[in-house]
Protein backbone atom coordinates (compact mmCIF):
# COMPACT_ATOMS: atom_id res chain seq x y z
CA MET A 1 -13.66 -71.83 5.68
CA ILE A 2 -14.61 -70.92 2.21
CA GLU A 3 -14.03 -67.32 1.44
CA LEU A 4 -16.46 -65.82 -0.81
CA LEU A 5 -14.63 -62.78 -0.82
CA LYS A 6 -10.66 -62.24 -0.54
CA HIS A 7 -9.10 -59.07 0.74
CA THR A 8 -11.55 -56.50 0.25
CA ASN A 9 -11.44 -52.94 1.27
CA ILE A 10 -14.59 -51.31 1.35
CA ASP A 11 -15.33 -47.86 3.02
CA PHE A 12 -18.52 -48.80 4.54
CA MET A 13 -18.13 -46.05 7.09
CA GLY A 14 -17.67 -43.51 4.16
CA LYS A 15 -20.98 -44.62 2.91
CA ARG A 16 -22.60 -44.62 6.40
CA PHE A 17 -24.35 -41.58 5.72
CA TYR A 18 -26.18 -42.73 2.28
CA ALA A 19 -27.05 -45.50 4.41
CA LEU A 20 -28.71 -43.66 7.08
CA ALA A 21 -31.22 -42.17 4.48
CA LEU A 22 -32.51 -45.77 3.70
CA THR A 23 -32.57 -46.58 7.30
CA VAL A 24 -34.68 -43.55 8.14
CA ILE A 25 -36.81 -44.30 5.77
CA VAL A 26 -37.39 -47.97 6.55
CA SER A 27 -38.07 -47.38 10.05
CA VAL A 28 -40.66 -44.52 9.35
CA LEU A 29 -42.36 -47.16 7.49
CA GLY A 30 -42.35 -49.65 10.29
CA LEU A 31 -43.22 -46.98 12.75
CA VAL A 32 -46.48 -45.91 10.50
CA THR A 33 -47.42 -50.05 10.73
CA ILE A 34 -47.29 -50.43 14.35
CA VAL A 35 -49.48 -47.15 14.42
CA GLN A 36 -51.95 -49.01 12.04
CA ILE A 37 -51.75 -52.09 14.09
CA SER A 38 -52.70 -50.66 17.03
CA ARG A 39 -55.58 -48.72 15.53
CA GLY A 40 -56.53 -51.85 14.02
CA THR A 41 -56.56 -50.47 10.66
CA ALA A 42 -53.75 -52.42 9.19
CA ASN A 43 -54.30 -56.09 7.59
CA LEU A 44 -54.71 -58.16 10.84
CA GLY A 45 -54.95 -61.81 10.84
CA ILE A 46 -57.89 -62.99 13.11
CA ASP A 47 -55.46 -63.67 15.69
CA PHE A 48 -55.33 -59.51 16.33
CA ALA A 49 -58.77 -58.56 15.02
CA GLY A 50 -60.85 -61.39 16.09
CA GLY A 51 -62.85 -63.57 13.76
CA THR A 52 -63.40 -66.93 12.74
CA SER A 53 -61.73 -69.48 10.60
CA VAL A 54 -62.86 -73.03 9.47
CA GLN A 55 -60.63 -75.40 7.66
CA ILE A 56 -62.14 -78.02 5.54
CA LYS A 57 -60.84 -81.10 4.28
CA PHE A 58 -62.82 -82.51 1.06
CA ASN A 59 -62.80 -85.93 -0.65
CA GLU A 60 -61.64 -84.26 -3.81
CA ARG A 61 -60.40 -81.05 -5.30
CA VAL A 62 -63.22 -78.33 -5.07
CA PRO A 63 -62.88 -75.20 -6.78
CA LEU A 64 -62.67 -71.94 -4.51
CA LYS A 65 -65.51 -70.43 -6.41
CA ASP A 66 -68.12 -73.11 -5.79
CA VAL A 67 -67.11 -73.12 -2.34
CA ARG A 68 -67.61 -69.17 -2.28
CA GLU A 69 -70.83 -69.62 -4.08
CA ALA A 70 -72.43 -72.11 -1.37
CA LEU A 71 -71.41 -69.75 1.38
CA MET A 72 -73.20 -66.79 -0.38
CA ASN A 73 -76.03 -68.84 -0.63
CA GLY A 74 -76.27 -69.56 2.68
CA GLY A 75 -75.97 -65.62 3.67
CA ILE A 76 -72.45 -65.59 4.52
CA SER A 77 -70.28 -63.03 2.31
CA ASP A 78 -66.78 -61.16 2.79
CA VAL A 79 -64.69 -64.15 3.76
CA GLU A 80 -61.26 -65.18 2.56
CA LEU A 81 -60.78 -68.73 1.22
CA GLN A 82 -57.51 -69.84 1.04
CA ASP A 83 -56.69 -73.10 -1.03
CA LEU A 84 -54.02 -75.87 0.37
CA PRO A 85 -52.83 -77.33 -2.83
CA GLY A 86 -52.51 -81.38 -2.63
CA GLU A 87 -54.37 -81.49 0.72
CA ASN A 88 -57.78 -81.04 -0.90
CA LYS A 89 -58.34 -78.69 1.93
CA ILE A 90 -59.71 -75.32 2.33
CA LEU A 91 -59.20 -72.42 5.04
CA ILE A 92 -62.24 -70.20 5.24
CA SER A 93 -61.90 -67.15 7.55
CA THR A 94 -63.57 -63.91 8.22
CA LYS A 95 -63.00 -61.01 10.68
CA LYS A 96 -66.63 -60.12 10.94
CA GLY A 97 -68.97 -60.69 13.72
CA GLU A 98 -68.13 -59.05 17.20
CA GLU A 99 -71.32 -60.50 19.11
CA ASN A 100 -72.46 -63.08 17.60
CA ILE A 101 -68.79 -64.75 16.95
CA GLY A 102 -69.69 -68.14 18.05
CA GLU A 103 -72.46 -68.58 15.22
CA ILE A 104 -70.27 -67.77 12.38
CA SER A 105 -68.48 -71.30 12.01
CA ARG A 106 -71.86 -73.35 12.53
CA ASN A 107 -73.42 -71.15 9.89
CA MET A 108 -70.51 -71.86 7.65
CA ILE A 109 -70.89 -75.37 8.11
CA ALA A 110 -74.58 -75.35 7.55
CA ALA A 111 -74.16 -73.54 4.26
CA LEU A 112 -71.63 -75.93 2.74
CA SER A 113 -73.72 -78.86 3.88
CA GLN A 114 -76.51 -77.81 1.58
CA LYS A 115 -73.81 -78.34 -1.25
CA TYR A 116 -71.96 -81.21 0.00
CA SER A 117 -72.96 -84.03 1.91
CA GLU A 118 -71.04 -84.74 5.18
CA SER A 119 -69.21 -87.90 3.80
CA SER A 120 -67.42 -85.65 1.14
CA MET A 121 -66.03 -83.15 3.68
CA VAL A 122 -64.14 -83.21 7.23
CA ILE A 123 -64.04 -80.08 9.42
CA ASP A 124 -60.26 -80.00 10.21
CA SER A 125 -60.26 -77.09 12.70
CA THR A 126 -62.34 -74.23 13.84
CA THR A 127 -60.98 -71.24 15.50
CA GLU A 128 -63.06 -68.33 16.71
CA ILE A 129 -61.51 -65.13 18.73
CA GLY A 130 -63.07 -62.46 19.86
CA PRO A 131 -62.35 -59.10 19.24
CA LYS A 132 -61.52 -58.09 23.05
CA VAL A 133 -59.11 -61.22 22.89
CA GLY A 134 -57.48 -60.22 19.49
CA LYS A 135 -56.48 -56.68 20.85
CA LYS A 136 -55.37 -58.30 24.14
CA LEU A 137 -52.85 -60.51 22.04
CA ARG A 138 -51.68 -57.65 19.69
CA THR A 139 -50.76 -56.05 23.30
CA ASP A 140 -49.27 -59.23 24.70
CA ALA A 141 -47.21 -59.17 20.94
CA LEU A 142 -45.95 -55.73 20.83
CA TRP A 143 -44.47 -56.28 24.73
CA ALA A 144 -42.98 -59.71 23.41
CA VAL A 145 -41.06 -57.64 21.16
CA ILE A 146 -40.04 -55.08 23.65
CA ALA A 147 -39.19 -57.53 26.15
CA ALA A 148 -36.63 -58.99 23.44
CA MET A 149 -35.14 -55.88 22.50
CA VAL A 150 -34.38 -54.79 26.44
CA GLY A 151 -33.12 -58.49 26.44
CA ILE A 152 -30.71 -57.76 23.80
CA LEU A 153 -29.61 -54.42 25.60
CA ILE A 154 -28.68 -56.18 28.66
CA TYR A 155 -26.97 -58.89 27.06
CA ILE A 156 -24.81 -56.99 24.74
CA THR A 157 -23.93 -54.45 27.64
CA ILE A 158 -22.67 -57.60 29.82
CA ARG A 159 -20.86 -58.80 26.69
CA PHE A 160 -19.17 -55.76 25.41
CA GLN A 161 -20.13 -52.47 26.78
CA PHE A 162 -23.21 -50.06 26.54
CA ARG A 163 -22.52 -48.27 23.36
CA PHE A 164 -22.33 -51.72 21.58
CA SER A 165 -25.49 -52.99 23.09
CA VAL A 166 -27.26 -49.53 21.69
CA GLY A 167 -26.02 -50.06 18.16
CA ALA A 168 -27.40 -54.09 18.66
CA THR A 169 -30.32 -52.73 19.83
CA VAL A 170 -31.15 -49.90 17.42
CA ALA A 171 -30.08 -52.44 14.28
CA THR A 172 -32.73 -55.30 15.80
CA PHE A 173 -35.36 -52.85 16.18
CA HIS A 174 -34.72 -51.62 12.80
CA ASP A 175 -34.95 -55.07 11.36
CA VAL A 176 -38.28 -55.76 12.96
CA LEU A 177 -39.65 -52.50 11.70
CA ALA A 178 -38.41 -53.20 7.94
CA VAL A 179 -39.96 -56.73 7.92
CA LEU A 180 -43.25 -55.01 9.41
CA GLY A 181 -43.00 -51.98 7.14
CA GLY A 182 -42.52 -54.57 4.37
CA PHE A 183 -45.39 -56.75 4.86
CA TYR A 184 -47.87 -53.40 5.19
CA LEU A 185 -46.71 -52.44 2.01
CA LEU A 186 -47.38 -55.67 0.41
CA GLY A 187 -50.77 -55.96 1.78
CA LYS A 188 -49.81 -59.26 3.82
CA GLU A 189 -51.74 -60.46 6.73
CA ILE A 190 -50.05 -59.72 9.83
CA ASN A 191 -50.77 -62.66 12.55
CA LEU A 192 -49.17 -64.26 15.29
CA ILE A 193 -46.91 -66.43 12.77
CA VAL A 194 -45.50 -63.25 11.63
CA VAL A 195 -44.69 -61.90 14.98
CA SER A 196 -42.94 -65.56 15.56
CA ALA A 197 -40.78 -64.82 12.63
CA LEU A 198 -39.86 -61.44 14.01
CA LEU A 199 -38.92 -62.77 17.31
CA MET A 200 -36.47 -65.13 15.11
CA ILE A 201 -35.03 -62.40 12.94
CA ALA A 202 -34.25 -60.61 16.24
CA GLY A 203 -32.28 -63.37 16.91
CA TYR A 204 -30.58 -63.79 13.99
CA SER A 205 -29.89 -60.03 13.70
CA LEU A 206 -28.19 -60.36 16.89
CA THR A 207 -25.99 -63.04 16.14
CA ASP A 208 -24.93 -61.50 12.97
CA THR A 209 -24.29 -58.22 14.79
CA VAL A 210 -22.12 -59.89 17.60
CA VAL A 211 -19.79 -61.51 15.02
CA VAL A 212 -18.91 -58.07 13.89
CA PHE A 213 -18.55 -56.81 17.18
CA ASP A 214 -16.24 -59.15 18.39
CA ARG A 215 -14.02 -58.43 15.73
CA ILE A 216 -14.03 -54.63 16.14
CA ARG A 217 -13.57 -54.84 19.76
CA GLU A 218 -10.41 -57.30 19.08
CA ASN A 219 -9.00 -55.04 16.51
CA LEU A 220 -9.89 -51.88 18.58
CA ARG A 221 -7.54 -53.51 21.40
CA SER A 222 -4.60 -54.55 18.92
CA ARG A 223 -4.75 -51.64 16.38
CA LEU A 224 -4.10 -48.97 18.29
CA LYS A 225 -1.86 -46.54 15.84
CA LYS A 226 -5.29 -46.54 13.71
CA SER A 227 -8.14 -44.68 13.90
CA THR A 228 -11.53 -46.08 15.13
CA VAL A 229 -12.99 -45.42 11.66
CA GLU A 230 -9.99 -47.58 9.86
CA VAL A 231 -10.22 -50.03 12.39
CA ILE A 232 -14.31 -50.47 12.06
CA ASN A 233 -14.06 -50.68 8.33
CA GLU A 234 -11.30 -52.96 7.95
CA SER A 235 -13.06 -55.24 11.06
CA ILE A 236 -16.14 -55.34 8.55
CA ASN A 237 -14.11 -56.52 5.72
CA GLU A 238 -12.64 -59.13 7.32
CA VAL A 239 -15.69 -60.66 8.43
CA LEU A 240 -17.64 -59.99 5.35
CA SER A 241 -17.07 -63.25 3.69
CA ARG A 242 -18.27 -64.86 6.72
CA THR A 243 -21.32 -62.77 6.94
CA ILE A 244 -22.31 -63.19 3.50
CA ILE A 245 -21.86 -66.89 3.12
CA VAL A 246 -23.88 -67.49 6.56
CA SER A 247 -26.50 -65.12 5.23
CA LEU A 248 -26.87 -66.70 1.73
CA THR A 249 -27.06 -69.96 3.30
CA THR A 250 -29.76 -69.08 5.69
CA PHE A 251 -31.63 -67.15 2.94
CA PHE A 252 -31.68 -70.60 0.64
CA ALA A 253 -33.17 -72.68 3.39
CA ALA A 254 -35.96 -70.15 3.97
CA ALA A 255 -36.28 -69.59 0.40
CA ALA A 256 -36.84 -73.50 0.07
CA LEU A 257 -39.46 -73.21 2.90
CA PHE A 258 -41.02 -70.17 0.86
CA ALA A 259 -41.31 -72.23 -2.63
CA PHE A 260 -42.22 -75.69 -1.05
CA GLY A 261 -43.52 -75.42 2.39
CA GLY A 262 -46.80 -74.60 1.51
CA GLU A 263 -49.00 -72.00 2.27
CA VAL A 264 -49.37 -72.25 5.80
CA ILE A 265 -45.86 -71.69 6.31
CA HIS A 266 -45.62 -69.38 2.95
CA ASP A 267 -45.92 -65.86 4.92
CA PHE A 268 -43.18 -67.05 7.67
CA ALA A 269 -40.80 -68.23 5.34
CA LEU A 270 -41.15 -64.70 3.49
CA ALA A 271 -40.71 -62.65 6.49
CA ILE A 272 -37.50 -64.83 7.34
CA MET A 273 -35.89 -64.22 4.08
CA MET A 274 -36.74 -60.32 4.36
CA GLY A 275 -35.12 -60.34 7.92
CA ILE A 276 -32.07 -62.12 6.77
CA ILE A 277 -31.37 -59.12 4.05
CA VAL A 278 -32.31 -56.27 6.54
CA GLY A 279 -30.28 -58.14 9.38
CA THR A 280 -26.85 -58.25 7.14
CA TYR A 281 -27.49 -54.93 6.11
CA SER A 282 -28.14 -53.46 9.57
CA SER A 283 -25.01 -55.23 11.26
CA ILE A 284 -22.62 -53.20 8.83
CA PHE A 285 -25.07 -49.94 8.13
CA VAL A 286 -26.70 -49.50 11.32
CA ALA A 287 -25.07 -51.34 14.30
CA SER A 288 -21.48 -49.81 13.70
CA PRO A 289 -22.09 -46.76 12.35
CA ILE A 290 -23.67 -46.05 15.77
CA VAL A 291 -20.80 -47.56 17.73
CA LEU A 292 -18.74 -45.16 15.85
CA LEU A 293 -21.17 -42.53 16.83
CA MET A 294 -21.21 -42.81 20.42
CA GLY A 295 -17.23 -42.78 20.80
CA LYS A 296 -14.26 -42.68 18.66
CA ASP A 297 -11.65 -43.01 21.80
CA ARG A 298 -9.89 -46.06 21.97
CA THR A 299 -11.48 -47.22 25.40
CA MET A 300 -14.35 -48.83 23.46
CA GLY A 301 -12.29 -51.66 23.40
CA LYS A 302 -10.54 -52.09 26.74
CA LYS A 303 -13.22 -54.06 28.42
């Protein structure tokens, strides 16, 4: 296997307290984001906030300002327009309309029909979600993430020991909070696509953490004359090259999706890229220090 870094001797555990400060800040930001999502005050997509989304395909490229003007002339304001370059498509969405949500899409189409002929545009899709459904989707998404965390806890407990499972679960939850907090700071829309990215990030983070844990457990069994801190440091250094190579190749794949995948997959790819960075960080500076904190005796490696 290609070795990007050879014979490193970095004192990761000696830097764990500095990393703890960053971890706490990121986690608090993520928790604040969850509170804002539960209150409905974050930048939620229509999946969670309720609203209407209409995707229209035109025969030729149409400026967004012309579409917005046509909608305003039809009495429709406060809408978000998203251009899909190369496809002559425009996505129109609004989060307004609690009671008459079923009429909003018809009003949008009627307003555009005043400016554009029926032969020049085609309605690709229409999505309408009421606020009650959006609230239920928010709750379901939260339970999906919680279920993933519980599954990770059970899996790592069976695979290793409970103290290892706590480290893996906290690290994975940290990664989810970090990406959520990042999206909140950037003002990005949080929707079901982002939730699916978060679940994918949880899986990636777990895989990366398990690789580190495997080496720690193996070395704890064989290097009995060394302290637990030394063994954990050596274990992380031994898999560091592998961790960086895997993270970089995965990051580059996500970056390609971000750059060339189009607007629809843009936020998904961004979340994956952020998740890869924090997932690599948490495997070293979150999961491993927790294993060290929960027990320095050599029974850690005797399962």
